[in-house]
Amino acid sequence: MAVHYCELCRRSSFAGRRHLYSAGHRRRLQEALAQLQEAVAAARAAAAAAAGGEAALRPYDPAEHGRRVWCLVCGRGVRRDGRSGGMALPQAGLLRHLAGPEHRREAARFWREQRAEAALRERVLVPAEEYERFARGLERALAEHRRREEERIQQMAAGIREAERRQRETVRDALQLQAEPEPEPGVGPPVGSPPAPPGRSPRHAEQPGPSGTQTGPDFNWMESGQALTFIGHQETEGKGNVHTGAKPPWLTEEEADGSKQQIGPSYEEFLKQKEKQKLKKLPAERVGANFDHTSQTGESWLPSFGRVWNHGRRWQSRHQFRTESGEKKKKR
């Protein structure tokens, strides 16, 4: 008997086409068709909403609207959503595929080869009339969206033009005030006009404009008849500042006499603290843990016999001790 390879089960059957009627094949076929029917039902619901004037247009996001739906009938992935400019068209790509003639031919072939129920075939197809209604509703929604975008752009442009017009009027008024001739000496202000504030001339009055716009430097900043008083050079003894051209304090050399107080611990203190940190890791009950290393001790505390500090065997130390003790007795 010929070997039959089932693409749905992904296995070879030596029973020929009898595998198509097995329980395992029928179960896998029902599960795969159920997933495809769910995708088709969601697409047809979106088509019905668009035909009723409720098409949902969203900004295009590649991560969300670039997904694909696996078409079991055609054996390939189909892009679910469409795109028009910067807007995403939900379910447009899948509906176009389901309503196409290629999908109908592949559906007939799949049902013939897999021996599926004929009543389930219409559930994975979309009529051409339904897709046309969806396309017309989508076009109306796109036209309405473009119209709203154009109105919004026109409103923004009108606001920009109005701001530019106000700015030009403000600058023109400021230039007119600066171009007015100054009053001649001896001619006072007109009758009924409020007097100018003391210490300020009409030339220094605040002029309208963006942040006090000034076209050029004012060289006549000092009133005529006024003189400045010289108070002398202000210098400090041995010190300067940034205004006198002195060196900044962070560039000055340190005093050589060492009178400057040291900031922070010294290097020796740092090493001592480091040794203490090492000792903390040792067991507290060890021999010599409580020994005072700062105490002053002489050589008399060492034992004068036994040679316990020498290297070598104990009997060598004993003979050496007896030899030295005999020599000491002779010397006495």
C-alpha atoms as a PDB file:
ATOM      1  CA  MET A   1       0.000   0.000   0.000  1.00  0.00           C
ATOM      2  CA  ALA A   2       1.261   3.482  -0.844  1.00  0.00           C
ATOM      3  CA  VAL A   3       2.548   5.812   1.850  1.00  0.00           C
ATOM      4  CA  HIS A   4       0.328   8.851   2.451  1.00  0.00           C
ATOM      5  CA  TYR A   5       1.740  12.040   4.057  1.00  0.00           C
ATOM      6  CA  CYS A   6      -0.807  14.151   5.952  1.00  0.00           C
ATOM      7  CA  GLU A   7       0.106  17.860   6.080  1.00  0.00           C
ATOM      8  CA  LEU A   8      -2.392  18.512   8.862  1.00  0.00           C
ATOM      9  CA  CYS A   9      -1.081  15.795  11.182  1.00  0.00           C
ATOM     10  CA  ARG A  10       2.505  16.158   9.891  1.00  0.00           C
ATOM     11  CA  ARG A  11       3.068  12.416   9.695  1.00  0.00           C
ATOM     12  CA  SER A  12       3.273   9.646   7.136  1.00  0.00           C
ATOM     13  CA  SER A  13       0.621   6.933   7.179  1.00  0.00           C
ATOM     14  CA  PHE A  14       1.177   3.458   5.697  1.00  0.00           C
ATOM     15  CA  ALA A  15      -2.567   2.866   5.643  1.00  0.00           C
ATOM     16  CA  GLY A  16      -3.062   5.129   2.635  1.00  0.00           C
ATOM     17  CA  ARG A  17      -6.033   7.454   2.565  1.00  0.00           C
ATOM     18  CA  ARG A  18      -7.736   5.519   5.336  1.00  0.00           C
ATOM     19  CA  HIS A  19      -5.806   7.859   7.681  1.00  0.00           C
ATOM     20  CA  LEU A  20      -8.226  10.673   6.716  1.00  0.00           C
ATOM     21  CA  TYR A  21     -11.062   8.811   8.488  1.00  0.00           C
ATOM     22  CA  SER A  22      -9.110   8.075  11.678  1.00  0.00           C
ATOM     23  CA  ALA A  23     -10.181   9.594  14.992  1.00  0.00           C
ATOM     24  CA  GLY A  24      -6.914  11.495  15.476  1.00  0.00           C
ATOM     25  CA  HIS A  25      -7.080  13.132  12.066  1.00  0.00           C
ATOM     26  CA  ARG A  26     -10.726  14.144  12.488  1.00  0.00           C
ATOM     27  CA  ARG A  27      -9.964  15.696  15.901  1.00  0.00           C
ATOM     28  CA  ARG A  28      -7.026  17.745  14.584  1.00  0.00           C
ATOM     29  CA  LEU A  29      -9.090  18.866  11.597  1.00  0.00           C
ATOM     30  CA  GLN A  30     -11.924  20.108  13.829  1.00  0.00           C
ATOM     31  CA  GLU A  31      -9.497  22.026  16.076  1.00  0.00           C
ATOM     32  CA  ALA A  32      -7.749  23.717  13.131  1.00  0.00           C
ATOM     33  CA  LEU A  33     -11.032  24.644  11.458  1.00  0.00           C
ATOM     34  CA  ALA A  34     -12.357  26.074  14.747  1.00  0.00           C
ATOM     35  CA  GLN A  35      -9.382  28.467  14.969  1.00  0.00           C
ATOM     36  CA  LEU A  36      -9.878  29.569  11.364  1.00  0.00           C
ATOM     37  CA  GLN A  37     -13.606  30.075  11.921  1.00  0.00           C
ATOM     38  CA  GLU A  38     -12.907  32.354  14.898  1.00  0.00           C
ATOM     39  CA  ALA A  39     -10.667  34.566  12.768  1.00  0.00           C
ATOM     40  CA  VAL A  40     -13.257  34.669   9.964  1.00  0.00           C
ATOM     41  CA  ALA A  41     -16.042  35.553  12.424  1.00  0.00           C
ATOM     42  CA  ALA A  42     -14.012  38.488  13.811  1.00  0.00           C
ATOM     43  CA  ALA A  43     -13.307  39.742  10.285  1.00  0.00           C
ATOM     44  CA  ARG A  44     -16.977  39.535   9.255  1.00  0.00           C
ATOM     45  CA  ALA A  45     -18.004  41.425  12.437  1.00  0.00           C
ATOM     46  CA  ALA A  46     -15.585  44.239  11.507  1.00  0.00           C
ATOM     47  CA  ALA A  47     -17.027  44.243   7.981  1.00  0.00           C
ATOM     48  CA  ALA A  48     -20.573  44.586   9.325  1.00  0.00           C
ATOM     49  CA  ALA A  49     -19.527  47.498  11.573  1.00  0.00           C
ATOM     50  CA  ALA A  50     -17.807  49.285   8.680  1.00  0.00           C
ATOM     51  CA  ALA A  51     -20.835  48.799   6.440  1.00  0.00           C
ATOM     52  CA  GLY A  52     -22.995  50.416   9.141  1.00  0.00           C
ATOM     53  CA  GLY A  53     -20.744  53.492   9.304  1.00  0.00           C
ATOM     54  CA  GLU A  54     -18.800  52.471  12.425  1.00  0.00           C
ATOM     55  CA  ALA A  55     -15.414  51.643  10.927  1.00  0.00           C
ATOM     56  CA  ALA A  56     -12.658  51.738  13.556  1.00  0.00           C
ATOM     57  CA  LEU A  57      -9.610  53.567  12.179  1.00  0.00           C
ATOM     58  CA  ARG A  58      -6.513  53.620  14.362  1.00  0.00           C
ATOM     59  CA  PRO A  59      -2.983  55.036  14.052  1.00  0.00           C
ATOM     60  CA  TYR A  60      -0.736  52.457  12.436  1.00  0.00           C
ATOM     61  CA  ASP A  61       1.507  50.543  14.843  1.00  0.00           C
ATOM     62  CA  PRO A  62       3.837  47.957  13.232  1.00  0.00           C
ATOM     63  CA  ALA A  63       3.943  45.805  16.359  1.00  0.00           C
ATOM     64  CA  GLU A  64       0.143  45.542  16.610  1.00  0.00           C
ATOM     65  CA  HIS A  65      -1.108  45.864  13.031  1.00  0.00           C
ATOM     66  CA  GLY A  66       1.682  43.914  11.334  1.00  0.00           C
ATOM     67  CA  ARG A  67       0.493  40.526  12.611  1.00  0.00           C
ATOM     68  CA  ARG A  68      -0.456  37.651  10.352  1.00  0.00           C
ATOM     69  CA  VAL A  69      -3.228  35.039  10.502  1.00  0.00           C
ATOM     70  CA  TRP A  70      -2.517  31.473   9.401  1.00  0.00           C
ATOM     71  CA  CYS A  71      -4.920  30.361   6.666  1.00  0.00           C
ATOM     72  CA  LEU A  72      -5.301  26.604   7.014  1.00  0.00           C
ATOM     73  CA  VAL A  73      -6.980  26.309   3.625  1.00  0.00           C
ATOM     74  CA  CYS A  74      -4.263  28.101   1.628  1.00  0.00           C
ATOM     75  CA  GLY A  75      -1.395  26.953   3.831  1.00  0.00           C
ATOM     76  CA  ARG A  76       0.198  30.393   4.287  1.00  0.00           C
ATOM     77  CA  GLY A  77       0.104  33.436   6.547  1.00  0.00           C
ATOM     78  CA  VAL A  78      -2.132  36.384   5.629  1.00  0.00           C
ATOM     79  CA  ARG A  79      -1.693  39.930   6.913  1.00  0.00           C
ATOM     80  CA  ARG A  80      -4.654  40.681   9.127  1.00  0.00           C
ATOM     81  CA  ASP A  81      -4.897  44.513   8.931  1.00  0.00           C
ATOM     82  CA  GLY A  82      -4.527  46.912   6.028  1.00  0.00           C
ATOM     83  CA  ARG A  83      -2.913  50.334   5.888  1.00  0.00           C
ATOM     84  CA  SER A  84      -3.750  53.674   4.278  1.00  0.00           C
ATOM     85  CA  GLY A  85      -1.135  56.341   4.942  1.00  0.00           C
ATOM     86  CA  GLY A  86      -0.616  56.582   8.669  1.00  0.00           C
ATOM     87  CA  MET A  87      -3.898  54.846   9.541  1.00  0.00           C
ATOM     88  CA  ALA A  88      -4.496  51.143  10.102  1.00  0.00           C
ATOM     89  CA  LEU A  89      -7.568  49.397   8.630  1.00  0.00           C
ATOM     90  CA  PRO A  90      -8.509  46.566  11.039  1.00  0.00           C
ATOM     91  CA  GLN A  91      -9.300  43.193   9.400  1.00  0.00           C
ATOM     92  CA  ALA A  92      -9.012  44.687   5.877  1.00  0.00           C
ATOM     93  CA  GLY A  93      -6.211  42.384   4.728  1.00  0.00           C
ATOM     94  CA  LEU A  94      -7.890  39.209   5.975  1.00  0.00           C
ATOM     95  CA  LEU A  95     -11.261  40.138   4.437  1.00  0.00           C
ATOM     96  CA  ARG A  96      -9.638  40.815   1.067  1.00  0.00           C
ATOM     97  CA  HIS A  97      -8.030  37.380   1.166  1.00  0.00           C
ATOM     98  CA  LEU A  98     -11.190  35.542   2.277  1.00  0.00           C
ATOM     99  CA  ALA A  99     -13.262  37.177  -0.496  1.00  0.00           C
ATOM    100  CA  GLY A 100     -10.707  36.478  -3.245  1.00  0.00           C
ATOM    101  CA  PRO A 101     -11.052  33.775  -5.898  1.00  0.00           C
ATOM    102  CA  GLU A 102      -7.794  32.083  -4.909  1.00  0.00           C
ATOM    103  CA  HIS A 103      -9.082  31.356  -1.422  1.00  0.00           C
ATOM    104  CA  ARG A 104     -12.284  29.845  -2.869  1.00  0.00           C
ATOM    105  CA  ARG A 105     -10.320  27.487  -5.120  1.00  0.00           C
ATOM    106  CA  GLU A 106      -8.047  26.416  -2.255  1.00  0.00           C
ATOM    107  CA  ALA A 107     -11.074  25.861  -0.011  1.00  0.00           C
ATOM    108  CA  ALA A 108     -12.642  23.515  -2.568  1.00  0.00           C
ATOM    109  CA  ARG A 109      -9.377  21.567  -2.882  1.00  0.00           C
ATOM    110  CA  PHE A 110      -8.884  21.386   0.921  1.00  0.00           C
ATOM    111  CA  TRP A 111     -12.416  20.067   1.528  1.00  0.00           C
ATOM    112  CA  ARG A 112     -12.017  17.492  -1.213  1.00  0.00           C
ATOM    113  CA  GLU A 113      -8.656  16.201   0.059  1.00  0.00           C
ATOM    114  CA  GLN A 114      -9.396  16.259   3.798  1.00  0.00           C
ATOM    115  CA  ARG A 115     -12.949  14.873   3.511  1.00  0.00           C
ATOM    116  CA  ALA A 116     -14.264  17.683   5.751  1.00  0.00           C
ATOM    117  CA  GLU A 117     -17.956  18.408   6.322  1.00  0.00           C
ATOM    118  CA  ALA A 118     -19.451  20.384   3.461  1.00  0.00           C
ATOM    119  CA  ALA A 119     -21.562  22.519   5.840  1.00  0.00           C
ATOM    120  CA  LEU A 120     -18.434  24.043   7.378  1.00  0.00           C
ATOM    121  CA  ARG A 121     -17.093  25.308   4.062  1.00  0.00           C
ATOM    122  CA  GLU A 122     -19.216  28.471   3.933  1.00  0.00           C
ATOM    123  CA  ARG A 123     -17.966  29.485   7.391  1.00  0.00           C
ATOM    124  CA  VAL A 124     -14.462  30.140   6.088  1.00  0.00           C
ATOM    125  CA  LEU A 125     -15.590  32.157   3.038  1.00  0.00           C
ATOM    126  CA  VAL A 126     -16.702  35.794   2.713  1.00  0.00           C
ATOM    127  CA  PRO A 127     -19.182  36.722  -0.060  1.00  0.00           C
ATOM    128  CA  ALA A 128     -18.009  39.299  -2.565  1.00  0.00           C
ATOM    129  CA  GLU A 129     -21.065  41.537  -1.883  1.00  0.00           C
ATOM    130  CA  GLU A 130     -20.184  41.680   1.817  1.00  0.00           C
ATOM    131  CA  TYR A 131     -16.609  42.688   1.034  1.00  0.00           C
ATOM    132  CA  GLU A 132     -17.830  45.427  -1.341  1.00  0.00           C
ATOM    133  CA  ARG A 133     -20.038  46.891   1.389  1.00  0.00           C
ATOM    134  CA  PHE A 134     -17.059  46.792   3.737  1.00  0.00           C
ATOM    135  CA  ALA A 135     -14.868  48.582   1.176  1.00  0.00           C
ATOM    136  CA  ARG A 136     -17.463  51.340   0.631  1.00  0.00           C
ATOM    137  CA  GLY A 137     -17.872  51.890   4.371  1.00  0.00           C
ATOM    138  CA  LEU A 138     -14.093  52.009   4.765  1.00  0.00           C
ATOM    139  CA  GLU A 139     -13.808  54.636   2.018  1.00  0.00           C
ATOM    140  CA  ARG A 140     -16.419  56.802   3.717  1.00  0.00           C
ATOM    141  CA  ALA A 141     -14.599  56.516   7.033  1.00  0.00           C
ATOM    142  CA  LEU A 142     -11.279  57.461   5.396  1.00  0.00           C
ATOM    143  CA  ALA A 143     -12.861  60.456   3.651  1.00  0.00           C
ATOM    144  CA  GLU A 144     -14.343  61.660   6.959  1.00  0.00           C
ATOM    145  CA  HIS A 145     -10.984  61.233   8.681  1.00  0.00           C
ATOM    146  CA  ARG A 146      -9.185  63.222   5.977  1.00  0.00           C
ATOM    147  CA  ARG A 147     -11.778  65.986   6.239  1.00  0.00           C
ATOM    148  CA  ARG A 148     -11.302  66.259  10.011  1.00  0.00           C
ATOM    149  CA  GLU A 149      -7.518  66.310   9.581  1.00  0.00           C
ATOM    150  CA  GLU A 150      -7.754  69.127   7.017  1.00  0.00           C
ATOM    151  CA  GLU A 151      -9.986  71.168   9.336  1.00  0.00           C
ATOM    152  CA  ARG A 152      -7.557  70.679  12.197  1.00  0.00           C
ATOM    153  CA  ILE A 153      -4.616  71.737  10.011  1.00  0.00           C
ATOM    154  CA  GLN A 154      -6.511  74.827   8.831  1.00  0.00           C
ATOM    155  CA  GLN A 155      -7.288  75.799  12.431  1.00  0.00           C
ATOM    156  CA  MET A 156      -3.624  75.433  13.380  1.00  0.00           C
ATOM    157  CA  ALA A 157      -2.554  77.503  10.366  1.00  0.00           C
ATOM    158  CA  ALA A 158      -5.074  80.222  11.262  1.00  0.00           C
ATOM    159  CA  GLY A 159      -3.711  80.343  14.825  1.00  0.00           C
ATOM    160  CA  ILE A 160      -0.142  80.646  13.521  1.00  0.00           C
ATOM    161  CA  ARG A 161      -1.115  83.452  11.119  1.00  0.00           C
ATOM    162  CA  GLU A 162      -2.887  85.329  13.924  1.00  0.00           C
ATOM    163  CA  ALA A 163       0.170  85.051  16.186  1.00  0.00           C
ATOM    164  CA  GLU A 164       2.439  86.318  13.409  1.00  0.00           C
ATOM    165  CA  ARG A 165       0.089  89.266  12.747  1.00  0.00           C
ATOM    166  CA  ARG A 166       0.135  90.268  16.435  1.00  0.00           C
ATOM    167  CA  GLN A 167       3.906  90.009  16.510  1.00  0.00           C
ATOM    168  CA  ARG A 168       4.263  92.248  13.433  1.00  0.00           C
ATOM    169  CA  GLU A 169       1.918  94.859  14.951  1.00  0.00           C
ATOM    170  CA  THR A 170       3.876  94.847  18.198  1.00  0.00           C
ATOM    171  CA  VAL A 171       7.207  95.335  16.406  1.00  0.00           C
ATOM    172  CA  ARG A 172       5.754  98.095  14.217  1.00  0.00           C
ATOM    173  CA  ASP A 173       4.429  99.977  17.256  1.00  0.00           C
ATOM    174  CA  ALA A 174       7.804  99.692  18.961  1.00  0.00           C
ATOM    175  CA  LEU A 175       9.625 101.062  15.917  1.00  0.00           C
ATOM    176  CA  GLN A 176       7.197 103.988  15.660  1.00  0.00           C
ATOM    177  CA  LEU A 177       7.821 104.945  19.288  1.00  0.00           C
ATOM    178  CA  GLN A 178      11.579 104.875  18.745  1.00  0.00           C
ATOM    179  CA  ALA A 179      11.306 106.956  15.581  1.00  0.00           C
ATOM    180  CA  GLU A 180       9.425 109.837  17.320  1.00  0.00           C
ATOM    181  CA  PRO A 181      11.592 113.027  17.613  1.00  0.00           C
ATOM    182  CA  GLU A 182      12.858 113.963  21.064  1.00  0.00           C
ATOM    183  CA  PRO A 183      11.479 117.204  22.608  1.00  0.00           C
ATOM    184  CA  GLU A 184      13.722 120.248  22.295  1.00  0.00           C
ATOM    185  CA  PRO A 185      15.466 121.617  25.420  1.00  0.00           C
ATOM    186  CA  GLY A 186      13.261 123.996  27.349  1.00  0.00           C
ATOM    187  CA  VAL A 187      10.055 122.607  25.967  1.00  0.00           C
ATOM    188  CA  GLY A 188       8.116 120.864  28.704  1.00  0.00           C
ATOM    189  CA  PRO A 189       5.631 118.066  28.325  1.00  0.00           C
ATOM    190  CA  PRO A 190       2.181 118.957  27.023  1.00  0.00           C
ATOM    191  CA  VAL A 191      -0.388 120.264  29.434  1.00  0.00           C
ATOM    192  CA  GLY A 192      -2.331 117.502  31.143  1.00  0.00           C
ATOM    193  CA  SER A 193       0.264 114.782  30.563  1.00  0.00           C
ATOM    194  CA  PRO A 194       1.476 112.926  33.680  1.00  0.00           C
ATOM    195  CA  PRO A 195       5.018 113.777  34.809  1.00  0.00           C
ATOM    196  CA  ALA A 196       7.751 111.272  34.148  1.00  0.00           C
ATOM    197  CA  PRO A 197       8.965 109.216  37.156  1.00  0.00           C
ATOM    198  CA  PRO A 198      12.091 110.597  38.882  1.00  0.00           C
ATOM    199  CA  GLY A 199      15.413 109.170  37.775  1.00  0.00           C
ATOM    200  CA  ARG A 200      14.134 108.060  34.364  1.00  0.00           C
ATOM    201  CA  SER A 201      13.835 109.921  31.126  1.00  0.00           C
ATOM    202  CA  PRO A 202      11.147 109.432  28.481  1.00  0.00           C
ATOM    203  CA  ARG A 203      13.807 107.791  26.356  1.00  0.00           C
ATOM    204  CA  HIS A 204      14.186 105.048  28.966  1.00  0.00           C
ATOM    205  CA  ALA A 205      10.489 104.359  29.287  1.00  0.00           C
ATOM    206  CA  GLU A 206       9.591 100.737  28.683  1.00  0.00           C
ATOM    207  CA  GLN A 207       8.533 100.273  25.104  1.00  0.00           C
ATOM    208  CA  PRO A 208       6.082  97.687  23.913  1.00  0.00           C
ATOM    209  CA  GLY A 209       7.456  94.653  22.188  1.00  0.00           C
ATOM    210  CA  PRO A 210       8.640  91.127  22.866  1.00  0.00           C
ATOM    211  CA  SER A 211      10.693  91.357  26.076  1.00  0.00           C
ATOM    212  CA  GLY A 212      11.599  95.016  25.538  1.00  0.00           C
ATOM    213  CA  THR A 213      12.928  94.749  21.994  1.00  0.00           C
ATOM    214  CA  GLN A 214      15.749  97.201  21.302  1.00  0.00           C
ATOM    215  CA  THR A 215      17.039  97.734  17.784  1.00  0.00           C
ATOM    216  CA  GLY A 216      20.482  98.986  18.827  1.00  0.00           C
ATOM    217  CA  PRO A 217      22.654 100.064  21.756  1.00  0.00           C
ATOM    218  CA  ASP A 218      21.745 103.253  23.595  1.00  0.00           C
ATOM    219  CA  PHE A 219      24.909 105.357  23.798  1.00  0.00           C
ATOM    220  CA  ASN A 220      23.178 108.247  25.629  1.00  0.00           C
ATOM    221  CA  TRP A 221      22.510 106.226  28.729  1.00  0.00           C
ATOM    222  CA  MET A 222      23.661 108.971  31.114  1.00  0.00           C
ATOM    223  CA  GLU A 223      21.580 112.127  31.464  1.00  0.00           C
ATOM    224  CA  SER A 224      23.198 115.385  30.577  1.00  0.00           C
ATOM    225  CA  GLY A 225      24.490 117.375  33.494  1.00  0.00           C
ATOM    226  CA  GLN A 226      25.120 114.337  35.706  1.00  0.00           C
ATOM    227  CA  ALA A 227      28.584 113.174  36.720  1.00  0.00           C
ATOM    228  CA  LEU A 228      29.778 109.952  38.286  1.00  0.00           C
ATOM    229  CA  THR A 229      31.705 109.998  41.579  1.00  0.00           C
ATOM    230  CA  PHE A 230      35.034 108.135  41.660  1.00  0.00           C
ATOM    231  CA  ILE A 231      35.377 106.276  44.982  1.00  0.00           C
ATOM    232  CA  GLY A 232      38.838 104.874  44.326  1.00  0.00           C
ATOM    233  CA  HIS A 233      40.164 101.404  43.657  1.00  0.00           C
ATOM    234  CA  GLN A 234      38.651  98.843  45.986  1.00  0.00           C
ATOM    235  CA  GLU A 235      41.424  96.383  46.719  1.00  0.00           C
ATOM    236  CA  THR A 236      41.788  93.894  49.538  1.00  0.00           C
ATOM    237  CA  GLU A 237      45.096  93.214  51.231  1.00  0.00           C
ATOM    238  CA  GLY A 238      46.769  90.240  49.570  1.00  0.00           C
ATOM    239  CA  LYS A 239      43.535  88.883  48.189  1.00  0.00           C
ATOM    240  CA  GLY A 240      41.640  89.354  44.998  1.00  0.00           C
ATOM    241  CA  ASN A 241      38.492  88.200  43.307  1.00  0.00           C
ATOM    242  CA  VAL A 242      37.309  87.306  39.861  1.00  0.00           C
ATOM    243  CA  HIS A 243      36.633  90.966  39.059  1.00  0.00           C
ATOM    244  CA  THR A 244      40.256  91.993  39.695  1.00  0.00           C
ATOM    245  CA  GLY A 245      41.707  89.117  37.684  1.00  0.00           C
ATOM    246  CA  ALA A 246      42.947  87.101  40.661  1.00  0.00           C
ATOM    247  CA  LYS A 247      43.619  83.374  40.390  1.00  0.00           C
ATOM    248  CA  PRO A 248      40.684  81.181  41.438  1.00  0.00           C
ATOM    249  CA  PRO A 249      41.069  79.491  44.824  1.00  0.00           C
ATOM    250  CA  TRP A 250      41.143  75.997  43.286  1.00  0.00           C
ATOM    251  CA  LEU A 251      44.246  76.956  41.251  1.00  0.00           C
ATOM    252  CA  THR A 252      46.245  78.483  44.103  1.00  0.00           C
ATOM    253  CA  GLU A 253      49.215  76.496  45.411  1.00  0.00           C
ATOM    254  CA  GLU A 254      49.017  74.998  48.884  1.00  0.00           C
ATOM    255  CA  GLU A 255      51.012  76.595  51.656  1.00  0.00           C
ATOM    256  CA  ALA A 256      54.409  74.999  52.150  1.00  0.00           C
ATOM    257  CA  ASP A 257      54.507  75.388  55.947  1.00  0.00           C
ATOM    258  CA  GLY A 258      51.820  72.719  56.380  1.00  0.00           C
ATOM    259  CA  SER A 259      49.619  74.946  58.485  1.00  0.00           C
ATOM    260  CA  LYS A 260      46.621  73.897  56.420  1.00  0.00           C
ATOM    261  CA  GLN A 261      44.603  71.347  58.318  1.00  0.00           C
ATOM    262  CA  GLN A 262      44.437  67.956  56.685  1.00  0.00           C
ATOM    263  CA  ILE A 263      40.981  66.840  55.661  1.00  0.00           C
ATOM    264  CA  GLY A 264      40.055  63.251  56.325  1.00  0.00           C
ATOM    265  CA  PRO A 265      42.109  60.368  57.823  1.00  0.00           C
ATOM    266  CA  SER A 266      45.759  59.835  56.984  1.00  0.00           C
ATOM    267  CA  TYR A 267      47.138  56.905  55.031  1.00  0.00           C
ATOM    268  CA  GLU A 268      48.456  55.209  58.177  1.00  0.00           C
ATOM    269  CA  GLU A 269      45.045  55.398  59.829  1.00  0.00           C
ATOM    270  CA  PHE A 270      43.507  53.934  56.723  1.00  0.00           C
ATOM    271  CA  LEU A 271      45.886  50.936  56.863  1.00  0.00           C
ATOM    272  CA  LYS A 272      45.114  50.380  60.547  1.00  0.00           C
ATOM    273  CA  GLN A 273      41.408  50.428  59.870  1.00  0.00           C
ATOM    274  CA  LYS A 274      41.905  47.988  57.019  1.00  0.00           C
ATOM    275  CA  GLU A 275      43.759  45.583  59.332  1.00  0.00           C
ATOM    276  CA  LYS A 276      40.939  45.833  61.873  1.00  0.00           C
ATOM    277  CA  GLN A 277      38.430  44.924  59.191  1.00  0.00           C
ATOM    278  CA  LYS A 278      40.479  41.827  58.354  1.00  0.00           C
ATOM    279  CA  LEU A 279      40.632  40.793  62.030  1.00  0.00           C
ATOM    280  CA  LYS A 280      36.857  41.025  62.358  1.00  0.00           C
ATOM    281  CA  LYS A 281      36.515  38.110  59.951  1.00  0.00           C
ATOM    282  CA  LEU A 282      38.585  35.831  62.256  1.00  0.00           C
ATOM    283  CA  PRO A 283      36.911  33.868  65.104  1.00  0.00           C
ATOM    284  CA  ALA A 284      36.594  35.859  68.311  1.00  0.00           C
ATOM    285  CA  GLU A 285      37.654  32.900  70.505  1.00  0.00           C
ATOM    286  CA  ARG A 286      41.012  32.388  68.832  1.00  0.00           C
ATOM    287  CA  VAL A 287      44.302  32.347  70.774  1.00  0.00           C
ATOM    288  CA  GLY A 288      45.753  35.822  71.184  1.00  0.00           C
ATOM    289  CA  ALA A 289      42.609  37.672  70.210  1.00  0.00           C
ATOM    290  CA  ASN A 290      42.677  39.790  73.404  1.00  0.00           C
ATOM    291  CA  PHE A 291      46.429  40.387  73.395  1.00  0.00           C
ATOM    292  CA  ASP A 292      47.388  44.042  73.840  1.00  0.00           C
ATOM    293  CA  HIS A 293      49.971  44.787  71.177  1.00  0.00           C
ATOM    294  CA  THR A 294      50.567  48.290  72.500  1.00  0.00           C
ATOM    295  CA  SER A 295      51.931  47.112  75.883  1.00  0.00           C
ATOM    296  CA  GLN A 296      55.689  47.537  76.542  1.00  0.00           C
ATOM    297  CA  THR A 297      57.376  44.215  77.423  1.00  0.00           C
ATOM    298  CA  GLY A 298      61.050  43.350  77.872  1.00  0.00           C
ATOM    299  CA  GLU A 299      63.041  40.263  76.980  1.00  0.00           C
ATOM    300  CA  SER A 300      62.764  38.834  80.545  1.00  0.00           C
ATOM    301  CA  TRP A 301      59.336  37.319  79.865  1.00  0.00           C
ATOM    302  CA  LEU A 302      60.834  34.768  77.491  1.00  0.00           C
ATOM    303  CA  PRO A 303      61.787  31.408  79.086  1.00  0.00           C
ATOM    304  CA  SER A 304      65.548  30.864  79.602  1.00  0.00           C
ATOM    305  CA  PHE A 305      65.383  27.109  79.092  1.00  0.00           C
ATOM    306  CA  GLY A 306      63.864  24.574  76.761  1.00  0.00           C
ATOM    307  CA  ARG A 307      64.759  26.317  73.553  1.00  0.00           C
ATOM    308  CA  VAL A 308      61.072  26.307  72.672  1.00  0.00           C
ATOM    309  CA  TRP A 309      61.599  29.024  70.063  1.00  0.00           C
ATOM    310  CA  ASN A 310      64.318  27.190  68.158  1.00  0.00           C
ATOM    311  CA  HIS A 311      63.768  25.083  65.086  1.00  0.00           C
ATOM    312  CA  GLY A 312      64.583  21.392  65.229  1.00  0.00           C
ATOM    313  CA  ARG A 313      63.963  18.455  67.557  1.00  0.00           C
ATOM    314  CA  ARG A 314      63.468  18.749  71.298  1.00  0.00           C
ATOM    315  CA  TRP A 315      66.440  16.550  72.336  1.00  0.00           C
ATOM    316  CA  GLN A 316      68.777  18.862  70.411  1.00  0.00           C
ATOM    317  CA  SER A 317      67.500  21.783  72.437  1.00  0.00           C
ATOM    318  CA  ARG A 318      67.968  19.822  75.688  1.00  0.00           C
ATOM    319  CA  HIS A 319      71.621  18.940  74.947  1.00  0.00           C
ATOM    320  CA  GLN A 320      72.332  22.473  73.865  1.00  0.00           C
ATOM    321  CA  PHE A 321      70.813  23.786  77.094  1.00  0.00           C
ATOM    322  CA  ARG A 322      72.949  21.442  79.206  1.00  0.00           C
ATOM    323  CA  THR A 323      76.076  22.408  77.313  1.00  0.00           C
ATOM    324  CA  GLU A 324      75.449  26.091  77.804  1.00  0.00           C
ATOM    325  CA  SER A 325      74.526  25.637  81.480  1.00  0.00           C
ATOM    326  CA  GLY A 326      77.815  23.729  82.083  1.00  0.00           C
ATOM    327  CA  GLU A 327      79.798  26.413  80.394  1.00  0.00           C
ATOM    328  CA  LYS A 328      78.080  29.003  82.486  1.00  0.00           C
ATOM    329  CA  LYS A 329      78.967  27.118  85.687  1.00  0.00           C
ATOM    330  CA  LYS A 330      82.633  26.986  84.670  1.00  0.00           C
ATOM    331  CA  LYS A 331      82.640  30.686  84.047  1.00  0.00           C
ATOM    332  CA  ARG A 332      81.309  31.266  87.523  1.00  0.00           C
END
